[in-house]
Amino acid sequence: MERCGWVGEDPLYRAYHDEEWGVPERDGRAMWEALQLEGMQAGLSWITILRKREGFRRAFAGFDPEVIAGWGSEEVERLLGDPGIVRHRGKIEAVIGNARAYLAMDDFAAWAWDWVDGLPLQPARGDLADVPAKTDLSESISKALKKAGFRFCGPTTVYAWMQATGMVNDHVTTCDRHADLARAPAAVTDR
């Protein structure tokens, strides 16, 4: 199988690329979880987050925003002592605040997908070097998320989240997954 150049040989990374990354996600809670994990990744490698993903899910009550939104300093201290996650006070506190911001929105998935007119963007990039770290659209979404009370959601994090949740198909055209995901109707060729 031809894969995107960032995948490497790690079986966990390969499975993530082949089965999850870039597949359009329409469940708001799953999209929120993905955004939290992307925020946790800031400054770290994605494989670190993948290896700790089940630890995050355990520590953060299955990423249930209704539960997390009620947490305070006691839970923050507990999480800071959990070796199964990234122990960064600012990121942990951001997840708690982001749960509250998520609950204040009517429909997170609909809100997110409205940014791309409900359909995955299909930029058809031929080379990994052509894939941007952020776009004007991810900058706009980042600003809107911050205005809604979200944290650890800068434009680079948001673009990675858009790629992960299939809002944009950034599998390079030589990757076998690109064609599979390009079959979905596209709103526009790039933003």
C-alpha atoms as a PDB file:
ATOM      1  CA  MET A   1       0.000   0.000   0.000  1.00  0.00           C
ATOM      2  CA  GLU A   2       1.239   3.484  -0.837  1.00  0.00           C
ATOM      3  CA  ARG A   3       0.913   5.836   2.135  1.00  0.00           C
ATOM      4  CA  CYS A   4       1.563   9.481   2.895  1.00  0.00           C
ATOM      5  CA  GLY A   5       5.243  10.105   3.648  1.00  0.00           C
ATOM      6  CA  TRP A   6       4.683  11.089   7.271  1.00  0.00           C
ATOM      7  CA  VAL A   7       3.474   7.632   8.322  1.00  0.00           C
ATOM      8  CA  GLY A   8       6.694   5.670   8.766  1.00  0.00           C
ATOM      9  CA  GLU A   9       6.886   2.062   9.958  1.00  0.00           C
ATOM     10  CA  ASP A  10       5.106   2.162  13.336  1.00  0.00           C
ATOM     11  CA  PRO A  11       2.080  -0.205  13.156  1.00  0.00           C
ATOM     12  CA  LEU A  12      -0.014   2.132  15.335  1.00  0.00           C
ATOM     13  CA  TYR A  13       0.735   5.064  13.032  1.00  0.00           C
ATOM     14  CA  ARG A  14      -0.030   2.953   9.949  1.00  0.00           C
ATOM     15  CA  ALA A  15      -3.376   1.810  11.345  1.00  0.00           C
ATOM     16  CA  TYR A  16      -4.288   5.403  12.247  1.00  0.00           C
ATOM     17  CA  HIS A  17      -3.400   6.587   8.723  1.00  0.00           C
ATOM     18  CA  ASP A  18      -5.136   3.700   6.963  1.00  0.00           C
ATOM     19  CA  GLU A  19      -8.332   3.595   9.016  1.00  0.00           C
ATOM     20  CA  GLU A  20      -8.958   6.971  10.671  1.00  0.00           C
ATOM     21  CA  TRP A  21      -6.991   9.956   9.395  1.00  0.00           C
ATOM     22  CA  GLY A  22      -8.967  11.931   6.857  1.00  0.00           C
ATOM     23  CA  VAL A  23     -12.175   9.916   7.153  1.00  0.00           C
ATOM     24  CA  PRO A  24     -15.073  12.394   7.442  1.00  0.00           C
ATOM     25  CA  GLU A  25     -16.278  12.420  11.039  1.00  0.00           C
ATOM     26  CA  ARG A  26     -19.835  13.674  11.591  1.00  0.00           C
ATOM     27  CA  ASP A  27     -20.230  12.952  15.298  1.00  0.00           C
ATOM     28  CA  GLY A  28     -19.794  16.154  17.285  1.00  0.00           C
ATOM     29  CA  ARG A  29     -18.427  14.485  20.388  1.00  0.00           C
ATOM     30  CA  ALA A  30     -15.849  12.517  18.366  1.00  0.00           C
ATOM     31  CA  MET A  31     -14.859  15.739  16.601  1.00  0.00           C
ATOM     32  CA  TRP A  32     -14.511  17.471  19.977  1.00  0.00           C
ATOM     33  CA  GLU A  33     -12.323  14.633  21.273  1.00  0.00           C
ATOM     34  CA  ALA A  34     -10.136  14.919  18.167  1.00  0.00           C
ATOM     35  CA  LEU A  35      -9.729  18.659  18.756  1.00  0.00           C
ATOM     36  CA  GLN A  36      -8.704  18.028  22.374  1.00  0.00           C
ATOM     37  CA  LEU A  37      -6.123  15.459  21.320  1.00  0.00           C
ATOM     38  CA  GLU A  38      -4.745  17.831  18.674  1.00  0.00           C
ATOM     39  CA  GLY A  39      -4.451  20.489  21.387  1.00  0.00           C
ATOM     40  CA  MET A  40      -2.610  18.036  23.619  1.00  0.00           C
ATOM     41  CA  GLN A  41      -0.234  17.314  20.733  1.00  0.00           C
ATOM     42  CA  ALA A  42       0.955  20.932  20.455  1.00  0.00           C
ATOM     43  CA  GLY A  43       4.748  20.841  20.723  1.00  0.00           C
ATOM     44  CA  LEU A  44       4.877  17.030  20.720  1.00  0.00           C
ATOM     45  CA  SER A  45       4.819  14.303  18.088  1.00  0.00           C
ATOM     46  CA  TRP A  46       1.485  12.837  17.039  1.00  0.00           C
ATOM     47  CA  ILE A  47       2.717   9.300  17.732  1.00  0.00           C
ATOM     48  CA  THR A  48       3.118  10.308  21.388  1.00  0.00           C
ATOM     49  CA  ILE A  49      -0.571  11.218  21.510  1.00  0.00           C
ATOM     50  CA  LEU A  50      -1.613   8.052  19.677  1.00  0.00           C
ATOM     51  CA  ARG A  51       0.294   5.941  22.169  1.00  0.00           C
ATOM     52  CA  LYS A  52      -1.415   7.747  25.052  1.00  0.00           C
ATOM     53  CA  ARG A  53      -4.890   8.015  23.458  1.00  0.00           C
ATOM     54  CA  GLU A  54      -6.442   5.260  25.572  1.00  0.00           C
ATOM     55  CA  GLY A  55      -4.863   6.822  28.657  1.00  0.00           C
ATOM     56  CA  PHE A  56      -6.455  10.146  27.733  1.00  0.00           C
ATOM     57  CA  ARG A  57      -9.825   8.482  27.238  1.00  0.00           C
ATOM     58  CA  ARG A  58      -9.583   6.796  30.633  1.00  0.00           C
ATOM     59  CA  ALA A  59      -8.360   9.909  32.435  1.00  0.00           C
ATOM     60  CA  PHE A  60     -10.897  12.220  30.777  1.00  0.00           C
ATOM     61  CA  ALA A  61     -13.985  10.064  31.392  1.00  0.00           C
ATOM     62  CA  GLY A  62     -14.209   8.898  27.783  1.00  0.00           C
ATOM     63  CA  PHE A  63     -14.031  12.539  26.706  1.00  0.00           C
ATOM     64  CA  ASP A  64     -17.551  13.079  28.001  1.00  0.00           C
ATOM     65  CA  PRO A  65     -17.933  16.874  27.968  1.00  0.00           C
ATOM     66  CA  GLU A  66     -20.866  16.745  30.391  1.00  0.00           C
ATOM     67  CA  VAL A  67     -18.641  15.123  33.017  1.00  0.00           C
ATOM     68  CA  ILE A  68     -15.485  17.109  32.268  1.00  0.00           C
ATOM     69  CA  ALA A  69     -17.278  20.478  32.331  1.00  0.00           C
ATOM     70  CA  GLY A  70     -17.938  20.018  36.045  1.00  0.00           C
ATOM     71  CA  TRP A  71     -14.322  19.394  36.955  1.00  0.00           C
ATOM     72  CA  GLY A  72     -12.190  21.777  38.979  1.00  0.00           C
ATOM     73  CA  SER A  73      -8.822  22.011  40.704  1.00  0.00           C
ATOM     74  CA  GLU A  74      -9.072  18.579  42.368  1.00  0.00           C
ATOM     75  CA  GLU A  75      -9.396  16.844  38.996  1.00  0.00           C
ATOM     76  CA  VAL A  76      -6.630  18.992  37.509  1.00  0.00           C
ATOM     77  CA  GLU A  77      -4.273  17.862  40.279  1.00  0.00           C
ATOM     78  CA  ARG A  78      -5.287  14.226  39.773  1.00  0.00           C
ATOM     79  CA  LEU A  79      -4.608  14.509  36.025  1.00  0.00           C
ATOM     80  CA  LEU A  80      -1.233  16.163  36.621  1.00  0.00           C
ATOM     81  CA  GLY A  81      -0.192  12.974  38.405  1.00  0.00           C
ATOM     82  CA  ASP A  82      -1.386  10.617  35.663  1.00  0.00           C
ATOM     83  CA  PRO A  83       1.563   9.198  33.655  1.00  0.00           C
ATOM     84  CA  GLY A  84      -0.853   7.890  31.003  1.00  0.00           C
ATOM     85  CA  ILE A  85      -1.440  11.385  29.609  1.00  0.00           C
ATOM     86  CA  VAL A  86       0.435  14.576  28.788  1.00  0.00           C
ATOM     87  CA  ARG A  87       0.770  16.270  32.174  1.00  0.00           C
ATOM     88  CA  HIS A  88       0.582  19.936  31.228  1.00  0.00           C
ATOM     89  CA  ARG A  89      -1.559  22.125  33.462  1.00  0.00           C
ATOM     90  CA  GLY A  90      -2.528  24.562  30.715  1.00  0.00           C
ATOM     91  CA  LYS A  91      -3.599  21.796  28.342  1.00  0.00           C
ATOM     92  CA  ILE A  92      -5.551  19.966  31.047  1.00  0.00           C
ATOM     93  CA  GLU A  93      -7.326  23.153  32.103  1.00  0.00           C
ATOM     94  CA  ALA A  94      -8.035  23.886  28.425  1.00  0.00           C
ATOM     95  CA  VAL A  95      -9.824  20.535  27.995  1.00  0.00           C
ATOM     96  CA  ILE A  96     -12.051  21.364  30.965  1.00  0.00           C
ATOM     97  CA  GLY A  97     -12.829  24.830  29.616  1.00  0.00           C
ATOM     98  CA  ASN A  98     -13.302  23.436  26.134  1.00  0.00           C
ATOM     99  CA  ALA A  99     -15.891  21.000  27.483  1.00  0.00           C
ATOM    100  CA  ARG A 100     -17.862  23.971  28.776  1.00  0.00           C
ATOM    101  CA  ALA A 101     -17.491  25.785  25.437  1.00  0.00           C
ATOM    102  CA  TYR A 102     -18.584  22.647  23.564  1.00  0.00           C
ATOM    103  CA  LEU A 103     -21.711  22.316  25.712  1.00  0.00           C
ATOM    104  CA  ALA A 104     -22.599  25.951  25.022  1.00  0.00           C
ATOM    105  CA  MET A 105     -22.780  25.222  21.282  1.00  0.00           C
ATOM    106  CA  ASP A 106     -25.952  23.828  19.717  1.00  0.00           C
ATOM    107  CA  ASP A 107     -24.331  21.286  17.379  1.00  0.00           C
ATOM    108  CA  PHE A 108     -20.544  21.200  17.224  1.00  0.00           C
ATOM    109  CA  ALA A 109     -20.369  18.907  14.188  1.00  0.00           C
ATOM    110  CA  ALA A 110     -22.803  21.032  12.168  1.00  0.00           C
ATOM    111  CA  TRP A 111     -20.917  24.170  13.202  1.00  0.00           C
ATOM    112  CA  ALA A 112     -17.598  22.660  12.086  1.00  0.00           C
ATOM    113  CA  TRP A 113     -18.856  21.240   8.793  1.00  0.00           C
ATOM    114  CA  ASP A 114     -20.580  24.537   7.900  1.00  0.00           C
ATOM    115  CA  TRP A 115     -17.080  25.976   7.438  1.00  0.00           C
ATOM    116  CA  VAL A 116     -16.593  23.659   4.430  1.00  0.00           C
ATOM    117  CA  ASP A 117     -20.189  23.752   3.185  1.00  0.00           C
ATOM    118  CA  GLY A 118     -20.781  20.293   4.625  1.00  0.00           C
ATOM    119  CA  LEU A 119     -18.353  18.516   2.304  1.00  0.00           C
ATOM    120  CA  PRO A 120     -14.662  17.585   2.570  1.00  0.00           C
ATOM    121  CA  LEU A 121     -12.263  19.906   0.804  1.00  0.00           C
ATOM    122  CA  GLN A 122     -10.327  18.046  -1.912  1.00  0.00           C
ATOM    123  CA  PRO A 123      -7.109  19.971  -2.625  1.00  0.00           C
ATOM    124  CA  ALA A 124      -5.339  17.030  -4.391  1.00  0.00           C
ATOM    125  CA  ARG A 125      -1.815  17.769  -3.203  1.00  0.00           C
ATOM    126  CA  GLY A 126       0.828  15.816  -5.095  1.00  0.00           C
ATOM    127  CA  ASP A 127       3.631  16.058  -2.566  1.00  0.00           C
ATOM    128  CA  LEU A 128       3.944  16.216   1.209  1.00  0.00           C
ATOM    129  CA  ALA A 129       5.814  19.509   0.781  1.00  0.00           C
ATOM    130  CA  ASP A 130       2.613  20.987  -0.715  1.00  0.00           C
ATOM    131  CA  VAL A 131       0.580  20.315   2.429  1.00  0.00           C
ATOM    132  CA  PRO A 132       0.355  23.500   4.494  1.00  0.00           C
ATOM    133  CA  ALA A 133       0.636  23.648   8.273  1.00  0.00           C
ATOM    134  CA  LYS A 134      -2.286  26.083   8.369  1.00  0.00           C
ATOM    135  CA  THR A 135      -4.576  27.916   5.954  1.00  0.00           C
ATOM    136  CA  ASP A 136      -6.639  31.089   5.921  1.00  0.00           C
ATOM    137  CA  LEU A 137      -9.647  28.904   6.702  1.00  0.00           C
ATOM    138  CA  SER A 138      -7.986  27.269   9.718  1.00  0.00           C
ATOM    139  CA  GLU A 139      -7.075  30.753  10.953  1.00  0.00           C
ATOM    140  CA  SER A 140     -10.737  31.813  10.682  1.00  0.00           C
ATOM    141  CA  ILE A 141     -11.970  28.676  12.454  1.00  0.00           C
ATOM    142  CA  SER A 142      -9.344  29.127  15.175  1.00  0.00           C
ATOM    143  CA  LYS A 143     -10.508  32.695  15.804  1.00  0.00           C
ATOM    144  CA  ALA A 144     -14.142  31.563  15.954  1.00  0.00           C
ATOM    145  CA  LEU A 145     -13.294  28.747  18.390  1.00  0.00           C
ATOM    146  CA  LYS A 146     -11.372  31.139  20.634  1.00  0.00           C
ATOM    147  CA  LYS A 147     -14.279  33.589  20.533  1.00  0.00           C
ATOM    148  CA  ALA A 148     -16.530  30.710  21.661  1.00  0.00           C
ATOM    149  CA  GLY A 149     -14.221  30.077  24.641  1.00  0.00           C
ATOM    150  CA  PHE A 150     -11.946  27.308  23.326  1.00  0.00           C
ATOM    151  CA  ARG A 151      -8.208  27.193  24.099  1.00  0.00           C
ATOM    152  CA  PHE A 152      -5.219  25.359  22.598  1.00  0.00           C
ATOM    153  CA  CYS A 153      -6.817  25.670  19.193  1.00  0.00           C
ATOM    154  CA  GLY A 154      -4.458  27.810  17.130  1.00  0.00           C
ATOM    155  CA  PRO A 155      -4.590  27.706  13.321  1.00  0.00           C
ATOM    156  CA  THR A 156      -1.996  24.910  13.013  1.00  0.00           C
ATOM    157  CA  THR A 157      -3.837  22.773  15.565  1.00  0.00           C
ATOM    158  CA  VAL A 158      -7.133  23.498  13.824  1.00  0.00           C
ATOM    159  CA  TYR A 159      -5.731  22.535  10.428  1.00  0.00           C
ATOM    160  CA  ALA A 160      -4.407  19.243  11.833  1.00  0.00           C
ATOM    161  CA  TRP A 161      -7.878  18.650  13.303  1.00  0.00           C
ATOM    162  CA  MET A 162      -9.506  19.408   9.944  1.00  0.00           C
ATOM    163  CA  GLN A 163      -7.204  16.854   8.300  1.00  0.00           C
ATOM    164  CA  ALA A 164      -7.796  14.238  11.001  1.00  0.00           C
ATOM    165  CA  THR A 165     -11.591  14.565  10.913  1.00  0.00           C
ATOM    166  CA  GLY A 166     -11.827  14.555   7.132  1.00  0.00           C
ATOM    167  CA  MET A 167     -12.900  18.157   6.671  1.00  0.00           C
ATOM    168  CA  VAL A 168      -9.993  18.285   4.224  1.00  0.00           C
ATOM    169  CA  ASN A 169      -8.546  15.324   2.309  1.00  0.00           C
ATOM    170  CA  ASP A 170      -4.814  15.934   2.649  1.00  0.00           C
ATOM    171  CA  HIS A 171      -3.717  12.434   1.769  1.00  0.00           C
ATOM    172  CA  VAL A 172      -1.263  13.104  -1.054  1.00  0.00           C
ATOM    173  CA  THR A 173      -2.425  11.957  -4.476  1.00  0.00           C
ATOM    174  CA  THR A 174       0.124   9.114  -4.536  1.00  0.00           C
ATOM    175  CA  CYS A 175      -1.367   7.676  -1.326  1.00  0.00           C
ATOM    176  CA  ASP A 176      -3.940   4.912  -1.820  1.00  0.00           C
ATOM    177  CA  ARG A 177      -6.251   6.549   0.749  1.00  0.00           C
ATOM    178  CA  HIS A 178      -6.451   9.756  -1.290  1.00  0.00           C
ATOM    179  CA  ALA A 179      -8.532   8.203  -4.055  1.00  0.00           C
ATOM    180  CA  ASP A 180     -10.800   6.401  -1.565  1.00  0.00           C
ATOM    181  CA  LEU A 181     -11.576   9.645   0.236  1.00  0.00           C
ATOM    182  CA  ALA A 182     -11.702  11.767  -2.930  1.00  0.00           C
ATOM    183  CA  ARG A 183     -14.767   9.808  -4.061  1.00  0.00           C
ATOM    184  CA  ALA A 184     -16.794  11.776  -1.530  1.00  0.00           C
ATOM    185  CA  PRO A 185     -18.370  14.857  -3.122  1.00  0.00           C
ATOM    186  CA  ALA A 186     -16.228  17.945  -2.673  1.00  0.00           C
ATOM    187  CA  ALA A 187     -17.399  21.448  -1.939  1.00  0.00           C
ATOM    188  CA  VAL A 188     -14.367  23.267  -3.361  1.00  0.00           C
ATOM    189  CA  THR A 189     -10.818  22.410  -4.345  1.00  0.00           C
ATOM    190  CA  ASP A 190      -9.081  24.418  -1.633  1.00  0.00           C
ATOM    191  CA  ARG A 191      -9.510  27.031   1.091  1.00  0.00           C
END
